[in-house]
């Protein structure tokens, strides 16, 4: 279920009514930051938190724009921008050789081989 937790900020943003998009972006930012903090406390390195850090960055920018200008044209493109952000994070993580899926994969138990 770690993959659901990983995408929780995006789920939060999706369920908040569109008319309240600035609050949805802020709630998603809070969820993303909480995930990063929690997983860091559990010992996860930032290299295992690529999607979470990318989510936090996206929602920080989106919340700033949404509160600065609630009527911003960005609102109409927020769904496309979120998809593009996820694609950029996924593609970027592959380019640097640290696929974001490593952060949500089950950690191998000591003494057991994968497979």
Protein backbone atom coordinates (compact mmCIF):
# COMPACT_ATOMS: atom_id res chain seq x y z
CA UNK A 1 0.00 0.00 0.00
CA UNK A 2 3.01 2.32 -0.03
CA UNK A 3 2.17 3.31 -3.59
CA UNK A 4 -1.19 4.70 -2.42
CA UNK A 5 0.57 6.68 0.29
CA UNK A 6 3.05 7.98 -2.29
CA UNK A 7 0.27 9.38 -4.46
CA UNK A 8 -1.84 10.67 -1.54
CA UNK A 9 -1.13 14.36 -2.29
CA UNK A 10 -2.41 13.90 -5.84
CA UNK A 11 -5.51 12.11 -4.56
CA UNK A 12 -6.14 14.89 -2.03
CA UNK A 13 -5.87 17.51 -4.78
CA UNK A 14 -8.22 15.54 -7.03
CA UNK A 15 -11.01 15.20 -4.45
CA UNK A 16 -11.13 18.85 -3.37
CA UNK A 17 -13.76 20.72 -5.43
CA UNK A 18 -12.33 22.66 -8.35
CA UNK A 19 -13.79 25.93 -7.07
CA UNK A 20 -11.57 25.50 -4.00
CA UNK A 21 -8.39 24.74 -5.95
CA UNK A 22 -6.13 26.88 -3.78
CA UNK A 23 -7.20 24.90 -0.69
CA UNK A 24 -6.76 21.66 -2.60
CA UNK A 25 -3.22 22.66 -3.55
CA UNK A 26 -2.47 23.66 0.05
CA UNK A 27 -3.91 20.40 1.42
CA UNK A 28 -1.90 18.42 -1.14
CA UNK A 29 1.25 20.33 -0.17
CA UNK A 30 0.61 19.55 3.50
CA UNK A 31 0.13 15.86 2.64
CA UNK A 32 3.33 15.77 0.57
CA UNK A 33 5.40 17.46 3.28
CA UNK A 34 3.94 15.15 5.94
CA UNK A 35 4.89 12.13 3.81
CA UNK A 36 8.45 13.34 3.35
CA UNK A 37 8.85 14.09 7.06
CA UNK A 38 7.36 10.76 8.10
CA UNK A 39 9.46 8.72 5.71
CA UNK A 40 12.65 10.60 6.61
CA UNK A 41 11.97 9.81 10.28
CA UNK A 42 11.59 6.16 9.29
CA UNK A 43 15.06 6.31 7.76
CA UNK A 44 14.30 6.78 4.06
CA UNK A 45 16.90 8.71 2.11
CA UNK A 46 15.96 11.53 -0.22
CA UNK A 47 16.88 9.30 -3.16
CA UNK A 48 13.95 7.07 -2.13
CA UNK A 49 11.61 10.06 -1.89
CA UNK A 50 11.85 11.36 -5.44
CA UNK A 51 8.12 11.35 -6.17
CA UNK A 52 7.28 12.76 -2.74
CA UNK A 53 9.79 15.61 -3.07
CA UNK A 54 8.59 16.32 -6.61
CA UNK A 55 5.00 16.37 -5.37
CA UNK A 56 5.88 18.79 -2.58
CA UNK A 57 7.67 21.11 -5.01
CA UNK A 58 4.78 21.04 -7.49
CA UNK A 59 2.12 21.72 -4.88
CA UNK A 60 4.21 24.46 -3.25
CA UNK A 61 4.37 26.32 -6.58
CA UNK A 62 0.73 25.60 -7.38
CA UNK A 63 -0.47 26.76 -3.94
CA UNK A 64 1.59 29.95 -4.22
CA UNK A 65 0.07 30.72 -7.62
CA UNK A 66 -3.45 29.78 -6.47
CA UNK A 67 -3.36 32.03 -3.41
CA UNK A 68 -1.66 34.90 -5.24
CA UNK A 69 -4.31 34.87 -7.98
CA UNK A 70 -7.28 32.52 -7.45
CA UNK A 71 -8.55 33.43 -10.94
CA UNK A 72 -5.22 32.52 -12.56
CA UNK A 73 -5.31 30.76 -15.92
CA UNK A 74 -3.12 28.09 -14.33
CA UNK A 75 -6.26 26.73 -12.67
CA UNK A 76 -7.63 25.55 -16.00
CA UNK A 77 -4.41 23.68 -16.71
CA UNK A 78 -3.77 22.23 -13.26
CA UNK A 79 -4.81 18.69 -14.28
CA UNK A 80 -2.53 18.75 -17.32
CA UNK A 81 0.28 20.33 -15.30
CA UNK A 82 0.02 17.66 -12.63
CA UNK A 83 0.24 14.91 -15.25
CA UNK A 84 3.20 16.65 -16.88
CA UNK A 85 4.90 17.01 -13.50
CA UNK A 86 4.49 13.32 -12.72
CA UNK A 87 5.86 12.48 -16.16
CA UNK A 88 8.85 14.80 -15.68
CA UNK A 89 9.61 13.38 -12.23
CA UNK A 90 9.33 9.82 -13.54
CA UNK A 91 11.44 10.55 -16.62
CA UNK A 92 13.98 12.57 -14.68
CA UNK A 93 14.38 9.83 -12.10
CA UNK A 94 15.09 7.35 -14.89
CA UNK A 95 17.64 9.69 -16.46
CA UNK A 96 19.58 9.99 -13.21
CA UNK A 97 19.47 6.23 -12.69
CA UNK A 98 17.21 6.31 -9.61
CA UNK A 99 13.72 5.33 -10.78
CA UNK A 100 11.09 6.74 -8.44
CA UNK A 101 9.62 3.25 -8.13
CA UNK A 102 12.57 2.26 -5.93
CA UNK A 103 11.11 4.48 -3.22
CA UNK A 104 7.77 2.67 -3.24
CA UNK A 105 9.04 -0.87 -3.78
CA UNK A 106 9.07 -3.18 -0.79
CA UNK A 107 12.51 -3.15 0.79
CA UNK A 108 14.27 -6.49 0.59
CA UNK A 109 14.55 -8.32 3.88
CA UNK A 110 18.08 -9.15 4.99
CA UNK A 111 19.21 -12.62 3.98
CA UNK A 112 16.65 -12.99 1.21
CA UNK A 113 17.23 -12.52 -2.46
CA UNK A 114 14.73 -10.72 -4.63
CA UNK A 115 12.52 -12.66 -6.93
